[in-house]
N, C-alpha and C. Protein backbone atom coordinates (compact mmCIF):
# COMPACT_ATOMS: atom_id res chain seq x y z
N UNK A 1 -18.26 -4.10 0.98
CA UNK A 1 -17.77 -3.48 -0.24
C UNK A 1 -18.82 -3.64 -1.33
N UNK A 2 -18.98 -2.59 -2.10
CA UNK A 2 -19.91 -2.61 -3.22
C UNK A 2 -19.54 -3.66 -4.24
N UNK A 3 -20.53 -4.18 -4.91
CA UNK A 3 -20.29 -5.15 -5.98
C UNK A 3 -19.67 -4.46 -7.19
N UNK A 4 -19.69 -3.14 -7.22
CA UNK A 4 -19.16 -2.42 -8.38
C UNK A 4 -17.63 -2.47 -8.44
N UNK A 5 -16.99 -2.94 -7.40
CA UNK A 5 -15.53 -3.06 -7.39
C UNK A 5 -15.13 -4.51 -7.56
N UNK A 6 -14.06 -4.73 -8.30
CA UNK A 6 -13.57 -6.10 -8.43
C UNK A 6 -12.05 -6.14 -8.47
N UNK A 7 -11.53 -7.29 -8.09
CA UNK A 7 -10.09 -7.54 -7.98
C UNK A 7 -9.55 -8.05 -9.31
N UNK A 8 -8.33 -7.65 -9.63
CA UNK A 8 -7.69 -8.17 -10.83
C UNK A 8 -6.19 -8.20 -10.66
N UNK A 9 -5.53 -9.15 -11.35
CA UNK A 9 -4.06 -9.14 -11.32
C UNK A 9 -3.55 -7.95 -12.14
N UNK A 10 -2.36 -7.49 -11.82
CA UNK A 10 -1.79 -6.31 -12.48
C UNK A 10 -0.64 -6.73 -13.39
N UNK A 11 -0.60 -6.14 -14.56
CA UNK A 11 0.54 -6.36 -15.47
C UNK A 11 1.31 -5.05 -15.62
N UNK A 12 2.48 -5.15 -16.20
CA UNK A 12 3.35 -3.99 -16.40
C UNK A 12 2.65 -2.85 -17.15
N UNK A 13 1.71 -3.20 -18.00
CA UNK A 13 1.00 -2.18 -18.78
C UNK A 13 0.19 -1.23 -17.89
N UNK A 14 -0.04 -1.63 -16.66
CA UNK A 14 -0.82 -0.79 -15.72
C UNK A 14 0.06 0.03 -14.78
N UNK A 15 1.37 -0.10 -14.89
CA UNK A 15 2.26 0.58 -13.94
C UNK A 15 2.04 2.10 -13.90
N UNK A 16 1.78 2.72 -15.04
CA UNK A 16 1.58 4.18 -15.05
C UNK A 16 0.34 4.55 -14.24
N UNK A 17 -0.72 3.75 -14.36
CA UNK A 17 -1.92 3.98 -13.54
C UNK A 17 -1.59 3.82 -12.06
N UNK A 18 -0.80 2.80 -11.74
CA UNK A 18 -0.45 2.54 -10.34
C UNK A 18 0.36 3.67 -9.74
N UNK A 19 1.32 4.20 -10.50
CA UNK A 19 2.17 5.26 -9.93
C UNK A 19 1.35 6.53 -9.71
N UNK A 20 0.33 6.75 -10.55
CA UNK A 20 -0.55 7.90 -10.34
C UNK A 20 -1.38 7.71 -9.07
N UNK A 21 -1.86 6.49 -8.84
CA UNK A 21 -2.59 6.19 -7.60
C UNK A 21 -1.66 6.36 -6.40
N UNK A 22 -0.44 5.80 -6.53
CA UNK A 22 0.55 5.92 -5.45
C UNK A 22 0.76 7.39 -5.08
N UNK A 23 1.01 8.23 -6.10
CA UNK A 23 1.31 9.64 -5.81
C UNK A 23 0.12 10.35 -5.18
N UNK A 24 -1.07 10.13 -5.70
CA UNK A 24 -2.26 10.77 -5.12
C UNK A 24 -2.47 10.33 -3.68
N UNK A 25 -2.30 9.04 -3.42
CA UNK A 25 -2.48 8.51 -2.08
C UNK A 25 -1.42 9.04 -1.12
N UNK A 26 -0.18 9.05 -1.56
CA UNK A 26 0.92 9.56 -0.72
C UNK A 26 0.69 11.03 -0.38
N UNK A 27 0.29 11.82 -1.36
CA UNK A 27 0.05 13.25 -1.10
C UNK A 27 -1.10 13.45 -0.11
N UNK A 28 -2.05 12.52 -0.09
CA UNK A 28 -3.20 12.63 0.82
C UNK A 28 -2.90 12.11 2.23
N UNK A 29 -1.87 11.25 2.37
CA UNK A 29 -1.66 10.60 3.67
C UNK A 29 -0.26 10.78 4.27
N UNK A 30 0.72 11.02 3.43
CA UNK A 30 2.11 11.11 3.90
C UNK A 30 2.55 12.58 3.98
N UNK A 31 1.86 13.34 4.81
CA UNK A 31 2.10 14.78 4.90
C UNK A 31 3.52 15.11 5.38
N UNK A 32 4.19 14.14 5.95
CA UNK A 32 5.55 14.33 6.46
C UNK A 32 6.59 14.28 5.34
N UNK A 33 6.23 13.81 4.16
CA UNK A 33 7.20 13.68 3.06
C UNK A 33 7.34 15.00 2.31
N UNK A 34 8.55 15.54 2.23
CA UNK A 34 8.74 16.74 1.41
C UNK A 34 8.67 16.37 -0.08
N UNK A 35 8.40 17.35 -0.91
CA UNK A 35 8.27 17.14 -2.36
C UNK A 35 9.48 16.42 -2.95
N UNK A 36 10.67 16.79 -2.51
CA UNK A 36 11.87 16.15 -3.10
C UNK A 36 11.90 14.65 -2.81
N UNK A 37 11.35 14.22 -1.67
CA UNK A 37 11.34 12.80 -1.38
C UNK A 37 10.25 12.06 -2.18
N UNK A 38 9.12 12.73 -2.42
CA UNK A 38 8.11 12.12 -3.30
C UNK A 38 8.73 11.90 -4.68
N UNK A 39 9.45 12.91 -5.17
CA UNK A 39 10.09 12.79 -6.48
C UNK A 39 11.24 11.77 -6.46
N UNK A 40 11.87 11.58 -5.32
CA UNK A 40 12.94 10.59 -5.16
C UNK A 40 12.36 9.17 -5.23
N UNK A 41 11.26 8.95 -4.50
CA UNK A 41 10.69 7.61 -4.41
C UNK A 41 9.95 7.19 -5.69
N UNK A 42 9.36 8.14 -6.38
CA UNK A 42 8.50 7.82 -7.53
C UNK A 42 9.18 6.94 -8.58
N UNK A 43 10.37 7.30 -9.10
CA UNK A 43 10.99 6.42 -10.10
C UNK A 43 11.45 5.08 -9.52
N UNK A 44 11.84 5.06 -8.25
CA UNK A 44 12.22 3.79 -7.61
C UNK A 44 11.03 2.82 -7.61
N UNK A 45 9.88 3.35 -7.24
CA UNK A 45 8.69 2.51 -7.17
C UNK A 45 8.31 2.04 -8.58
N UNK A 46 8.28 2.97 -9.51
CA UNK A 46 7.88 2.65 -10.88
C UNK A 46 8.86 1.69 -11.55
N UNK A 47 10.15 1.91 -11.39
CA UNK A 47 11.16 1.14 -12.14
C UNK A 47 11.68 -0.08 -11.42
N UNK A 48 11.52 -0.16 -10.08
CA UNK A 48 12.08 -1.28 -9.34
C UNK A 48 11.08 -1.98 -8.43
N UNK A 49 10.39 -1.23 -7.59
CA UNK A 49 9.58 -1.84 -6.55
C UNK A 49 8.37 -2.59 -7.09
N UNK A 50 7.71 -2.06 -8.13
CA UNK A 50 6.56 -2.77 -8.69
C UNK A 50 6.97 -4.16 -9.18
N UNK A 51 8.17 -4.25 -9.77
CA UNK A 51 8.63 -5.54 -10.29
C UNK A 51 9.02 -6.52 -9.18
N UNK A 52 9.22 -6.01 -7.96
CA UNK A 52 9.70 -6.84 -6.85
C UNK A 52 8.56 -7.47 -6.04
N UNK A 53 7.32 -7.15 -6.39
CA UNK A 53 6.17 -7.64 -5.62
C UNK A 53 5.13 -8.25 -6.55
N UNK A 54 4.24 -9.03 -5.96
CA UNK A 54 3.09 -9.53 -6.68
C UNK A 54 1.97 -8.52 -6.49
N UNK A 55 1.56 -7.90 -7.57
CA UNK A 55 0.59 -6.80 -7.52
C UNK A 55 -0.83 -7.30 -7.76
N UNK A 56 -1.75 -6.74 -7.00
CA UNK A 56 -3.17 -7.00 -7.17
C UNK A 56 -3.87 -5.65 -7.19
N UNK A 57 -4.76 -5.47 -8.15
CA UNK A 57 -5.47 -4.21 -8.26
C UNK A 57 -6.94 -4.37 -7.93
N UNK A 58 -7.57 -3.23 -7.68
CA UNK A 58 -9.01 -3.21 -7.48
C UNK A 58 -9.57 -2.14 -8.42
N UNK A 59 -10.58 -2.52 -9.19
CA UNK A 59 -11.15 -1.65 -10.22
C UNK A 59 -12.55 -1.20 -9.83
N UNK A 60 -12.93 -0.04 -10.37
CA UNK A 60 -14.30 0.44 -10.19
C UNK A 60 -15.18 -0.10 -11.32
N UNK A 61 -16.43 0.32 -11.35
CA UNK A 61 -17.39 -0.18 -12.34
C UNK A 61 -16.97 0.16 -13.77
N UNK A 62 -16.17 1.21 -13.93
CA UNK A 62 -15.71 1.61 -15.27
C UNK A 62 -14.41 0.90 -15.65
N UNK A 63 -14.02 -0.11 -14.88
CA UNK A 63 -12.80 -0.91 -15.12
C UNK A 63 -11.52 -0.10 -14.93
N UNK A 64 -11.61 0.99 -14.17
CA UNK A 64 -10.42 1.80 -13.88
C UNK A 64 -9.83 1.34 -12.56
N UNK A 65 -8.53 1.12 -12.54
CA UNK A 65 -7.86 0.73 -11.30
C UNK A 65 -7.90 1.91 -10.33
N UNK A 66 -8.37 1.65 -9.10
CA UNK A 66 -8.49 2.72 -8.11
C UNK A 66 -7.68 2.42 -6.84
N UNK A 67 -7.05 1.25 -6.81
CA UNK A 67 -6.21 0.89 -5.67
C UNK A 67 -5.44 -0.37 -5.99
N UNK A 68 -4.40 -0.63 -5.19
CA UNK A 68 -3.59 -1.82 -5.42
C UNK A 68 -2.80 -2.19 -4.18
N UNK A 69 -2.39 -3.46 -4.16
CA UNK A 69 -1.48 -3.93 -3.13
C UNK A 69 -0.33 -4.66 -3.80
N UNK A 70 0.78 -4.74 -3.09
CA UNK A 70 1.93 -5.50 -3.54
C UNK A 70 2.42 -6.34 -2.39
N UNK A 71 2.57 -7.63 -2.60
CA UNK A 71 3.02 -8.53 -1.55
C UNK A 71 4.26 -9.30 -1.99
N UNK A 72 5.07 -9.64 -1.01
CA UNK A 72 6.26 -10.46 -1.25
C UNK A 72 6.62 -11.15 0.07
N UNK A 73 6.93 -12.42 -0.01
CA UNK A 73 7.42 -13.17 1.14
C UNK A 73 6.58 -12.95 2.41
N UNK A 74 5.31 -13.23 2.31
CA UNK A 74 4.38 -13.18 3.45
C UNK A 74 4.21 -11.78 4.05
N UNK A 75 4.51 -10.76 3.24
CA UNK A 75 4.44 -9.39 3.75
C UNK A 75 3.76 -8.47 2.74
N UNK A 76 2.91 -7.58 3.26
CA UNK A 76 2.36 -6.52 2.42
C UNK A 76 3.45 -5.47 2.29
N UNK A 77 3.92 -5.26 1.08
CA UNK A 77 4.99 -4.28 0.83
C UNK A 77 4.42 -2.93 0.44
N UNK A 78 3.22 -2.93 -0.13
CA UNK A 78 2.58 -1.67 -0.50
C UNK A 78 1.07 -1.86 -0.58
N UNK A 79 0.37 -0.82 -0.20
CA UNK A 79 -1.09 -0.78 -0.30
C UNK A 79 -1.48 0.68 -0.47
N UNK A 80 -2.02 0.99 -1.63
CA UNK A 80 -2.39 2.37 -1.92
C UNK A 80 -3.75 2.41 -2.60
N UNK A 81 -4.59 3.29 -2.11
CA UNK A 81 -5.93 3.50 -2.66
C UNK A 81 -6.00 4.97 -3.10
N UNK A 82 -6.61 5.23 -4.25
CA UNK A 82 -6.77 6.63 -4.68
C UNK A 82 -7.64 7.34 -3.65
N UNK A 83 -7.28 8.58 -3.28
CA UNK A 83 -8.04 9.30 -2.24
C UNK A 83 -9.55 9.41 -2.52
N UNK A 84 -9.94 9.45 -3.79
CA UNK A 84 -11.37 9.51 -4.12
C UNK A 84 -12.11 8.26 -3.64
N UNK A 85 -11.36 7.20 -3.33
CA UNK A 85 -11.96 5.93 -2.94
C UNK A 85 -11.62 5.51 -1.51
N UNK A 86 -11.09 6.46 -0.72
CA UNK A 86 -10.82 6.17 0.69
C UNK A 86 -12.14 5.82 1.39
N UNK A 87 -12.01 4.98 2.42
CA UNK A 87 -13.12 4.63 3.32
C UNK A 87 -14.30 3.98 2.60
N UNK A 88 -13.98 3.18 1.59
CA UNK A 88 -15.02 2.41 0.89
C UNK A 88 -14.79 0.91 1.04
N UNK A 89 -13.83 0.53 1.90
CA UNK A 89 -13.56 -0.88 2.16
C UNK A 89 -12.61 -1.53 1.17
N UNK A 90 -11.99 -0.74 0.30
CA UNK A 90 -11.12 -1.32 -0.73
C UNK A 90 -9.80 -1.81 -0.15
N UNK A 91 -9.20 -1.02 0.73
CA UNK A 91 -7.96 -1.45 1.39
C UNK A 91 -8.21 -2.70 2.21
N UNK A 92 -9.32 -2.73 2.92
CA UNK A 92 -9.68 -3.90 3.73
C UNK A 92 -9.81 -5.13 2.84
N UNK A 93 -10.46 -4.98 1.69
CA UNK A 93 -10.64 -6.10 0.76
C UNK A 93 -9.29 -6.62 0.28
N UNK A 94 -8.37 -5.72 -0.07
CA UNK A 94 -7.05 -6.14 -0.55
C UNK A 94 -6.24 -6.82 0.55
N UNK A 95 -6.34 -6.31 1.78
CA UNK A 95 -5.61 -6.94 2.90
C UNK A 95 -6.19 -8.31 3.21
N UNK A 96 -7.52 -8.41 3.26
CA UNK A 96 -8.14 -9.71 3.53
C UNK A 96 -7.75 -10.73 2.46
N UNK A 97 -7.71 -10.31 1.22
CA UNK A 97 -7.31 -11.19 0.12
C UNK A 97 -5.86 -11.64 0.29
N UNK A 98 -4.99 -10.70 0.64
CA UNK A 98 -3.57 -11.02 0.83
C UNK A 98 -3.38 -12.02 1.99
N UNK A 99 -4.14 -11.85 3.05
CA UNK A 99 -4.05 -12.76 4.19
C UNK A 99 -4.56 -14.15 3.78
N UNK A 100 -5.72 -14.18 3.16
CA UNK A 100 -6.38 -15.45 2.83
C UNK A 100 -5.66 -16.19 1.70
N UNK A 101 -5.33 -15.49 0.63
CA UNK A 101 -4.80 -16.17 -0.56
C UNK A 101 -3.28 -16.19 -0.65
N UNK A 102 -2.61 -15.24 -0.01
CA UNK A 102 -1.15 -15.17 -0.10
C UNK A 102 -0.46 -15.54 1.21
N UNK A 103 -1.25 -15.70 2.27
CA UNK A 103 -0.68 -16.07 3.55
C UNK A 103 0.17 -14.99 4.20
N UNK A 104 -0.08 -13.73 3.87
CA UNK A 104 0.73 -12.67 4.47
C UNK A 104 0.42 -12.57 5.96
N UNK A 105 1.44 -12.15 6.72
CA UNK A 105 1.24 -11.99 8.16
C UNK A 105 2.01 -10.80 8.73
N UNK A 106 2.54 -9.94 7.84
CA UNK A 106 3.33 -8.81 8.31
C UNK A 106 3.20 -7.62 7.36
N UNK A 107 3.45 -6.45 7.91
CA UNK A 107 3.46 -5.22 7.13
C UNK A 107 4.31 -4.20 7.88
N UNK A 108 5.01 -3.36 7.13
CA UNK A 108 5.74 -2.22 7.70
C UNK A 108 4.97 -0.96 7.36
N UNK A 109 4.88 -0.05 8.33
CA UNK A 109 4.10 1.17 8.15
C UNK A 109 4.91 2.36 8.64
N UNK A 110 4.80 3.47 7.91
CA UNK A 110 5.42 4.71 8.39
C UNK A 110 4.75 5.13 9.69
N UNK A 111 5.53 5.29 10.72
CA UNK A 111 5.00 5.73 12.02
C UNK A 111 4.28 7.08 11.88
N UNK A 112 4.75 7.92 10.95
CA UNK A 112 4.18 9.26 10.77
C UNK A 112 2.89 9.25 9.95
N UNK A 113 2.38 8.06 9.63
CA UNK A 113 1.11 7.92 8.93
C UNK A 113 0.12 7.22 9.87
N UNK A 114 -0.40 7.97 10.86
CA UNK A 114 -1.24 7.36 11.89
C UNK A 114 -2.50 6.69 11.34
N UNK A 115 -3.04 7.19 10.22
CA UNK A 115 -4.23 6.56 9.63
C UNK A 115 -3.91 5.13 9.22
N UNK A 116 -2.74 4.92 8.62
CA UNK A 116 -2.35 3.57 8.18
C UNK A 116 -2.11 2.67 9.39
N UNK A 117 -1.45 3.19 10.41
CA UNK A 117 -1.18 2.39 11.61
C UNK A 117 -2.51 1.92 12.20
N UNK A 118 -3.45 2.83 12.34
CA UNK A 118 -4.77 2.52 12.89
C UNK A 118 -5.50 1.50 12.01
N UNK A 119 -5.43 1.69 10.70
CA UNK A 119 -6.07 0.77 9.75
C UNK A 119 -5.55 -0.66 9.95
N UNK A 120 -4.23 -0.82 9.97
CA UNK A 120 -3.67 -2.17 10.11
C UNK A 120 -3.98 -2.78 11.48
N UNK A 121 -3.98 -1.94 12.51
CA UNK A 121 -4.34 -2.47 13.84
C UNK A 121 -5.79 -2.95 13.84
N UNK A 122 -6.65 -2.22 13.17
CA UNK A 122 -8.05 -2.62 13.05
C UNK A 122 -8.17 -3.93 12.27
N UNK A 123 -7.24 -4.17 11.35
CA UNK A 123 -7.24 -5.38 10.53
C UNK A 123 -6.62 -6.57 11.27
N UNK A 124 -6.18 -6.36 12.52
CA UNK A 124 -5.67 -7.46 13.32
C UNK A 124 -4.15 -7.52 13.46
N UNK A 125 -3.46 -6.49 13.00
CA UNK A 125 -2.00 -6.46 13.14
C UNK A 125 -1.63 -5.75 14.44
N UNK A 126 -0.48 -6.13 15.00
CA UNK A 126 0.02 -5.43 16.18
C UNK A 126 1.48 -5.06 15.97
N UNK A 127 1.88 -3.97 16.60
CA UNK A 127 3.25 -3.48 16.46
C UNK A 127 4.19 -4.42 17.19
N UNK A 128 5.21 -4.88 16.49
CA UNK A 128 6.20 -5.79 17.08
C UNK A 128 7.52 -5.06 17.35
N UNK A 129 7.88 -4.12 16.47
CA UNK A 129 9.13 -3.39 16.66
C UNK A 129 9.10 -2.11 15.85
N UNK A 130 10.14 -1.29 16.03
CA UNK A 130 10.23 0.01 15.38
C UNK A 130 11.66 0.22 14.90
N UNK A 131 11.78 0.79 13.71
CA UNK A 131 13.09 1.20 13.19
C UNK A 131 13.08 2.71 13.04
N UNK A 132 14.14 3.40 13.47
CA UNK A 132 14.15 4.86 13.39
C UNK A 132 14.27 5.38 11.95
N UNK A 133 14.79 4.54 11.03
CA UNK A 133 14.98 4.94 9.64
C UNK A 133 14.20 3.99 8.73
N UNK A 134 13.86 4.48 7.53
CA UNK A 134 13.21 3.58 6.57
C UNK A 134 14.26 2.70 5.90
N UNK A 135 13.84 1.86 4.98
CA UNK A 135 14.73 0.91 4.34
C UNK A 135 15.85 1.53 3.51
N UNK A 136 15.70 2.80 3.17
CA UNK A 136 16.73 3.51 2.40
C UNK A 136 17.57 4.42 3.29
N UNK A 137 17.38 4.30 4.61
CA UNK A 137 18.16 5.09 5.54
C UNK A 137 17.66 6.51 5.74
N UNK A 138 16.45 6.79 5.25
CA UNK A 138 15.87 8.13 5.42
C UNK A 138 15.20 8.21 6.80
N UNK A 139 15.10 9.42 7.35
CA UNK A 139 14.61 9.58 8.73
C UNK A 139 13.08 9.49 8.87
N UNK A 140 12.52 8.39 8.37
CA UNK A 140 11.09 8.14 8.49
C UNK A 140 10.91 6.84 9.27
N UNK A 141 10.60 6.95 10.58
CA UNK A 141 10.49 5.75 11.42
C UNK A 141 9.46 4.76 10.86
N UNK A 142 9.82 3.50 10.92
CA UNK A 142 8.98 2.42 10.42
C UNK A 142 8.53 1.54 11.58
N UNK A 143 7.24 1.25 11.61
CA UNK A 143 6.70 0.30 12.57
C UNK A 143 6.53 -1.04 11.86
N UNK A 144 7.02 -2.09 12.49
CA UNK A 144 6.93 -3.44 11.95
C UNK A 144 5.75 -4.14 12.64
N UNK A 145 4.73 -4.47 11.88
CA UNK A 145 3.52 -5.06 12.42
C UNK A 145 3.38 -6.51 11.96
N UNK A 146 2.77 -7.33 12.83
CA UNK A 146 2.47 -8.71 12.50
C UNK A 146 1.04 -9.01 12.89
N UNK A 147 0.44 -9.97 12.18
CA UNK A 147 -0.90 -10.41 12.55
C UNK A 147 -0.87 -11.02 13.94
N UNK A 148 -1.90 -10.73 14.72
CA UNK A 148 -1.99 -11.29 16.07
C UNK A 148 -2.16 -12.80 16.00
């Protein structure tokens, strides 16, 4: 990873930046989600989910947040990188940090997002089980992964 990127803790004042990153990333990777579901999830994430996790951001040289992770109870609950910064090692850096400093050992991934499944497998996670519905009962199968 370039030295031009650095990690920082996230405060509530950055939530608007995070939701913009979330939406851009979801639109680039979650092609299975219809528009109404993106609009359904957006306020939940902004108003509830961000507060339920410990957020860590990654900034570019201009101090702009370009990606973030959220962890809770030894699990990565969210990891989103702005599409302009895909494949630059930022997601890897956030996952390695979460493993090393937060002791995480699990992550849930949308089965319909094969890029994410492949990414986590490359990071040392393996599929342990599958749920046919997501946590809100929507028909988006979830793969439950754990570190090997």
